[in-house]
Amino acid sequence: MSGSVNATVHASAVLVGSRAVLIRGSSGAGKSRLAFELVLAGRTGQIPPATLVGDDRVRLVTSGGNLIVQPAPELAGLIEIRGLGIRRIEHVDEAVVGLVVDLAAADAERLPPLAARMAIIDGVKIPRIPVESRYHPFPLIVAALTTTAGSNDTPPSDDCRKEIGNHISPTIATE
């Protein structure tokens, strides 16, 4: 594979359907837990089939305008399950990253601006979900994988007090 090779990074990744979810966060933030939850959700049909790429440390490589994730060789096929320890699981050797999840993100907001919902890694622009430390990320990821964008991508109307888009228009009841 040609392209720019980066050192391993502290992250986990799961191939969901045809693209990988790259999960970043500090130690103890829940990367392994989210990775395993995605694998389980893929097995039960909540999301497209999901397979571990790597847990704890992964290698990122750019190739052909894509960001490719690979497991760190010494950790390939291994995942930490809190309470059980290190376990062996089916894995893939590489996948194209299609979504970045940042756990305990300092810029996480209830309705993040469009700029916060994009990551640029080694020159590759990828959709991003910043997650608050007190919020469980799994529902956000499932929503991102199974729904389409709504009014959050449009600026709020002048009369919208909640600032969540043009979902409320003045009517006789609200005037």
C-alpha atoms as a PDB file:
ATOM      1  CA  MET A   1       0.000   0.000   0.000  1.00  0.00           C
ATOM      2  CA  SER A   2       1.362   3.404  -0.900  1.00  0.00           C
ATOM      3  CA  GLY A   3       0.826   6.598   1.015  1.00  0.00           C
ATOM      4  CA  SER A   4       1.879   8.405   4.125  1.00  0.00           C
ATOM      5  CA  VAL A   5       2.430   6.177   7.147  1.00  0.00           C
ATOM      6  CA  ASN A   6       1.846   7.502  10.633  1.00  0.00           C
ATOM      7  CA  ALA A   7       2.934   5.936  13.907  1.00  0.00           C
ATOM      8  CA  THR A   8       0.361   3.986  15.860  1.00  0.00           C
ATOM      9  CA  VAL A   9      -2.186   6.124  17.668  1.00  0.00           C
ATOM     10  CA  HIS A  10      -4.125   5.542  20.871  1.00  0.00           C
ATOM     11  CA  ALA A  11      -7.514   4.615  19.384  1.00  0.00           C
ATOM     12  CA  SER A  12      -9.838   1.739  18.540  1.00  0.00           C
ATOM     13  CA  ALA A  13     -11.578   1.046  15.241  1.00  0.00           C
ATOM     14  CA  VAL A  14     -14.485  -1.062  14.030  1.00  0.00           C
ATOM     15  CA  LEU A  15     -15.442  -1.796  10.440  1.00  0.00           C
ATOM     16  CA  VAL A  16     -19.193  -1.163  10.136  1.00  0.00           C
ATOM     17  CA  GLY A  17     -20.482  -2.149   6.721  1.00  0.00           C
ATOM     18  CA  SER A  18     -17.900  -0.816   4.283  1.00  0.00           C
ATOM     19  CA  ARG A  19     -16.332   1.948   6.441  1.00  0.00           C
ATOM     20  CA  ALA A  20     -14.578   2.049   9.795  1.00  0.00           C
ATOM     21  CA  VAL A  21     -15.495   4.018  12.876  1.00  0.00           C
ATOM     22  CA  LEU A  22     -12.292   5.404  14.430  1.00  0.00           C
ATOM     23  CA  ILE A  23     -12.753   5.874  18.196  1.00  0.00           C
ATOM     24  CA  ARG A  24     -10.346   8.281  19.894  1.00  0.00           C
ATOM     25  CA  GLY A  25     -10.076   9.200  23.553  1.00  0.00           C
ATOM     26  CA  SER A  26      -7.875   9.095  26.596  1.00  0.00           C
ATOM     27  CA  SER A  27      -7.216   5.960  28.593  1.00  0.00           C
ATOM     28  CA  GLY A  28     -10.394   4.871  30.371  1.00  0.00           C
ATOM     29  CA  ALA A  29     -12.689   6.984  28.155  1.00  0.00           C
ATOM     30  CA  GLY A  30     -14.539   3.902  26.861  1.00  0.00           C
ATOM     31  CA  LYS A  31     -12.949   3.176  23.481  1.00  0.00           C
ATOM     32  CA  SER A  32     -12.912  -0.603  23.967  1.00  0.00           C
ATOM     33  CA  ARG A  33     -16.432  -0.652  25.361  1.00  0.00           C
ATOM     34  CA  LEU A  34     -17.805   1.316  22.408  1.00  0.00           C
ATOM     35  CA  ALA A  35     -15.886  -0.870  19.949  1.00  0.00           C
ATOM     36  CA  PHE A  36     -17.367  -4.040  21.470  1.00  0.00           C
ATOM     37  CA  GLU A  37     -20.861  -2.505  21.581  1.00  0.00           C
ATOM     38  CA  LEU A  38     -20.586  -1.780  17.848  1.00  0.00           C
ATOM     39  CA  VAL A  39     -19.504  -5.358  17.138  1.00  0.00           C
ATOM     40  CA  LEU A  40     -22.470  -6.658  19.159  1.00  0.00           C
ATOM     41  CA  ALA A  41     -24.877  -4.247  17.426  1.00  0.00           C
ATOM     42  CA  GLY A  42     -23.644  -5.536  14.075  1.00  0.00           C
ATOM     43  CA  ARG A  43     -24.271  -9.115  15.176  1.00  0.00           C
ATOM     44  CA  THR A  44     -27.850  -8.326  16.210  1.00  0.00           C
ATOM     45  CA  GLY A  45     -28.691  -6.324  13.085  1.00  0.00           C
ATOM     46  CA  GLN A  46     -29.034  -2.908  14.781  1.00  0.00           C
ATOM     47  CA  ILE A  47     -26.363  -1.634  12.397  1.00  0.00           C
ATOM     48  CA  PRO A  48     -24.651  -3.173   9.347  1.00  0.00           C
ATOM     49  CA  PRO A  49     -22.269  -6.063  10.120  1.00  0.00           C
ATOM     50  CA  ALA A  50     -19.403  -4.868  12.320  1.00  0.00           C
ATOM     51  CA  THR A  51     -15.936  -6.339  12.833  1.00  0.00           C
ATOM     52  CA  LEU A  52     -13.069  -5.131  14.995  1.00  0.00           C
ATOM     53  CA  VAL A  53     -10.134  -3.566  13.198  1.00  0.00           C
ATOM     54  CA  GLY A  54      -8.063  -2.790  16.281  1.00  0.00           C
ATOM     55  CA  ASP A  55      -8.356  -1.939  19.948  1.00  0.00           C
ATOM     56  CA  ASP A  56      -6.241   0.408  22.050  1.00  0.00           C
ATOM     57  CA  ARG A  57      -3.672   1.223  19.338  1.00  0.00           C
ATOM     58  CA  VAL A  58      -4.109   1.383  15.581  1.00  0.00           C
ATOM     59  CA  ARG A  59      -2.000   2.478  12.646  1.00  0.00           C
ATOM     60  CA  LEU A  60      -3.301   5.168  10.281  1.00  0.00           C
ATOM     61  CA  VAL A  61      -2.162   5.294   6.654  1.00  0.00           C
ATOM     62  CA  THR A  62      -3.280   7.665   3.898  1.00  0.00           C
ATOM     63  CA  SER A  63      -3.726   6.220   0.450  1.00  0.00           C
ATOM     64  CA  GLY A  64      -5.596   7.523  -2.583  1.00  0.00           C
ATOM     65  CA  GLY A  65      -7.285  10.292  -0.615  1.00  0.00           C
ATOM     66  CA  ASN A  66      -8.534   7.849   2.039  1.00  0.00           C
ATOM     67  CA  LEU A  67      -7.531   7.318   5.627  1.00  0.00           C
ATOM     68  CA  ILE A  68      -6.877   3.618   6.198  1.00  0.00           C
ATOM     69  CA  VAL A  69      -6.850   2.111   9.686  1.00  0.00           C
ATOM     70  CA  GLN A  70      -4.969  -1.070  10.577  1.00  0.00           C
ATOM     71  CA  PRO A  71      -4.502  -2.865  13.892  1.00  0.00           C
ATOM     72  CA  ALA A  72      -1.190  -2.527  15.684  1.00  0.00           C
ATOM     73  CA  PRO A  73       0.418  -5.889  14.743  1.00  0.00           C
ATOM     74  CA  GLU A  74       0.998  -7.026  18.318  1.00  0.00           C
ATOM     75  CA  LEU A  75      -2.666  -6.332  19.239  1.00  0.00           C
ATOM     76  CA  ALA A  76      -4.413  -7.677  16.112  1.00  0.00           C
ATOM     77  CA  GLY A  77      -7.535  -9.606  17.064  1.00  0.00           C
ATOM     78  CA  LEU A  78      -7.395  -8.614  20.740  1.00  0.00           C
ATOM     79  CA  ILE A  79      -9.889  -6.451  22.647  1.00  0.00           C
ATOM     80  CA  GLU A  80     -10.154  -5.501  26.306  1.00  0.00           C
ATOM     81  CA  ILE A  81     -13.463  -6.401  27.914  1.00  0.00           C
ATOM     82  CA  ARG A  82     -13.701  -4.751  31.326  1.00  0.00           C
ATOM     83  CA  GLY A  83     -14.213  -7.455  33.937  1.00  0.00           C
ATOM     84  CA  LEU A  84     -12.972 -10.246  31.639  1.00  0.00           C
ATOM     85  CA  GLY A  85      -9.587  -8.945  30.538  1.00  0.00           C
ATOM     86  CA  ILE A  86      -8.006  -9.263  27.103  1.00  0.00           C
ATOM     87  CA  ARG A  87     -10.076 -11.405  24.743  1.00  0.00           C
ATOM     88  CA  ARG A  88      -9.563 -12.690  21.212  1.00  0.00           C
ATOM     89  CA  ILE A  89     -12.147 -11.635  18.596  1.00  0.00           C
ATOM     90  CA  GLU A  90     -12.574 -11.753  14.830  1.00  0.00           C
ATOM     91  CA  HIS A  91     -10.879  -8.799  13.149  1.00  0.00           C
ATOM     92  CA  VAL A  92     -10.001  -7.348   9.749  1.00  0.00           C
ATOM     93  CA  ASP A  93      -6.535  -6.211   8.718  1.00  0.00           C
ATOM     94  CA  GLU A  94      -7.551  -2.805   7.373  1.00  0.00           C
ATOM     95  CA  ALA A  95     -10.490  -0.557   6.564  1.00  0.00           C
ATOM     96  CA  VAL A  96     -11.200   2.908   5.174  1.00  0.00           C
ATOM     97  CA  VAL A  97     -12.188   5.317   7.955  1.00  0.00           C
ATOM     98  CA  GLY A  98     -15.626   6.822   7.413  1.00  0.00           C
ATOM     99  CA  LEU A  99     -16.389   8.305  10.838  1.00  0.00           C
ATOM    100  CA  VAL A 100     -14.319   9.649  13.731  1.00  0.00           C
ATOM    101  CA  VAL A 101     -15.685   9.553  17.291  1.00  0.00           C
ATOM    102  CA  ASP A 102     -13.911  11.657  19.917  1.00  0.00           C
ATOM    103  CA  LEU A 103     -14.809  10.556  23.444  1.00  0.00           C
ATOM    104  CA  ALA A 104     -14.767  13.140  26.251  1.00  0.00           C
ATOM    105  CA  ALA A 105     -14.300  15.844  23.611  1.00  0.00           C
ATOM    106  CA  ALA A 106     -13.755  19.346  24.944  1.00  0.00           C
ATOM    107  CA  ASP A 107     -15.758  20.796  22.040  1.00  0.00           C
ATOM    108  CA  ALA A 108     -18.791  18.506  22.447  1.00  0.00           C
ATOM    109  CA  GLU A 109     -22.095  20.381  22.405  1.00  0.00           C
ATOM    110  CA  ARG A 110     -25.748  19.444  22.296  1.00  0.00           C
ATOM    111  CA  LEU A 111     -25.920  20.791  18.747  1.00  0.00           C
ATOM    112  CA  PRO A 112     -22.329  21.069  17.520  1.00  0.00           C
ATOM    113  CA  PRO A 113     -21.624  23.422  14.623  1.00  0.00           C
ATOM    114  CA  LEU A 114     -20.788  21.897  11.265  1.00  0.00           C
ATOM    115  CA  ALA A 115     -17.066  22.649  11.698  1.00  0.00           C
ATOM    116  CA  ALA A 116     -16.952  20.555  14.906  1.00  0.00           C
ATOM    117  CA  ARG A 117     -18.515  17.640  13.048  1.00  0.00           C
ATOM    118  CA  MET A 118     -15.546  17.236  10.711  1.00  0.00           C
ATOM    119  CA  ALA A 119     -12.037  15.946  11.403  1.00  0.00           C
ATOM    120  CA  ILE A 120      -9.012  16.411   9.195  1.00  0.00           C
ATOM    121  CA  ILE A 121      -6.458  13.650   9.694  1.00  0.00           C
ATOM    122  CA  ASP A 122      -3.325  13.658   7.533  1.00  0.00           C
ATOM    123  CA  GLY A 123      -5.161  15.877   5.046  1.00  0.00           C
ATOM    124  CA  VAL A 124      -8.256  13.639   4.809  1.00  0.00           C
ATOM    125  CA  LYS A 125     -11.587  15.218   5.802  1.00  0.00           C
ATOM    126  CA  ILE A 126     -13.874  12.778   7.686  1.00  0.00           C
ATOM    127  CA  PRO A 127     -17.217  13.195   9.488  1.00  0.00           C
ATOM    128  CA  ARG A 128     -16.713  13.474  13.257  1.00  0.00           C
ATOM    129  CA  ILE A 129     -18.844  13.102  16.378  1.00  0.00           C
ATOM    130  CA  PRO A 130     -17.544  14.891  19.499  1.00  0.00           C
ATOM    131  CA  VAL A 131     -19.033  13.191  22.577  1.00  0.00           C
ATOM    132  CA  GLU A 132     -19.354  14.702  26.060  1.00  0.00           C
ATOM    133  CA  SER A 133     -17.696  12.714  28.852  1.00  0.00           C
ATOM    134  CA  ARG A 134     -20.997  12.283  30.705  1.00  0.00           C
ATOM    135  CA  TYR A 135     -22.888  11.074  27.612  1.00  0.00           C
ATOM    136  CA  HIS A 136     -22.873   7.453  26.433  1.00  0.00           C
ATOM    137  CA  PRO A 137     -21.674   7.497  22.801  1.00  0.00           C
ATOM    138  CA  PHE A 138     -23.397   4.349  21.510  1.00  0.00           C
ATOM    139  CA  PRO A 139     -26.789   5.951  20.675  1.00  0.00           C
ATOM    140  CA  LEU A 140     -25.021   8.776  18.831  1.00  0.00           C
ATOM    141  CA  ILE A 141     -23.043   6.363  16.694  1.00  0.00           C
ATOM    142  CA  VAL A 142     -26.093   4.229  15.884  1.00  0.00           C
ATOM    143  CA  ALA A 143     -28.001   7.398  14.964  1.00  0.00           C
ATOM    144  CA  ALA A 144     -25.145   8.570  12.735  1.00  0.00           C
ATOM    145  CA  LEU A 145     -25.051   5.191  10.992  1.00  0.00           C
ATOM    146  CA  THR A 146     -28.811   4.745  10.562  1.00  0.00           C
ATOM    147  CA  THR A 147     -30.308   8.220  10.045  1.00  0.00           C
ATOM    148  CA  THR A 148     -29.827  11.146   7.691  1.00  0.00           C
ATOM    149  CA  ALA A 149     -29.091  14.776   8.516  1.00  0.00           C
ATOM    150  CA  GLY A 150     -31.999  17.014   9.392  1.00  0.00           C
ATOM    151  CA  SER A 151     -32.509  20.665  10.194  1.00  0.00           C
ATOM    152  CA  ASN A 152     -29.327  20.804  12.282  1.00  0.00           C
ATOM    153  CA  ASP A 153     -27.404  21.588   9.098  1.00  0.00           C
ATOM    154  CA  THR A 154     -29.440  24.706   8.340  1.00  0.00           C
ATOM    155  CA  PRO A 155     -29.055  27.956  10.229  1.00  0.00           C
ATOM    156  CA  PRO A 156     -31.874  28.655  12.704  1.00  0.00           C
ATOM    157  CA  SER A 157     -34.641  30.957  11.647  1.00  0.00           C
ATOM    158  CA  ASP A 158     -34.805  34.372  13.304  1.00  0.00           C
ATOM    159  CA  ASP A 159     -37.886  33.349  15.268  1.00  0.00           C
ATOM    160  CA  CYS A 160     -36.474  30.038  16.545  1.00  0.00           C
ATOM    161  CA  ARG A 161     -35.769  30.442  20.260  1.00  0.00           C
ATOM    162  CA  LYS A 162     -34.185  26.980  20.678  1.00  0.00           C
ATOM    163  CA  GLU A 163     -31.710  27.570  17.842  1.00  0.00           C
ATOM    164  CA  ILE A 164     -32.150  24.115  16.345  1.00  0.00           C
ATOM    165  CA  GLY A 165     -33.156  25.008  12.843  1.00  0.00           C
ATOM    166  CA  ASN A 166     -36.289  25.782  10.975  1.00  0.00           C
ATOM    167  CA  HIS A 167     -38.396  23.197  12.774  1.00  0.00           C
ATOM    168  CA  ILE A 168     -40.710  25.792  14.281  1.00  0.00           C
ATOM    169  CA  SER A 169     -42.511  28.329  12.149  1.00  0.00           C
ATOM    170  CA  PRO A 170     -44.828  30.995  13.464  1.00  0.00           C
ATOM    171  CA  THR A 171     -48.432  29.930  13.530  1.00  0.00           C
ATOM    172  CA  ILE A 172     -51.571  31.408  15.016  1.00  0.00           C
ATOM    173  CA  ALA A 173     -50.845  29.405  18.181  1.00  0.00           C
ATOM    174  CA  THR A 174     -47.318  30.841  18.592  1.00  0.00           C
ATOM    175  CA  GLU A 175     -47.844  34.461  17.536  1.00  0.00           C
END
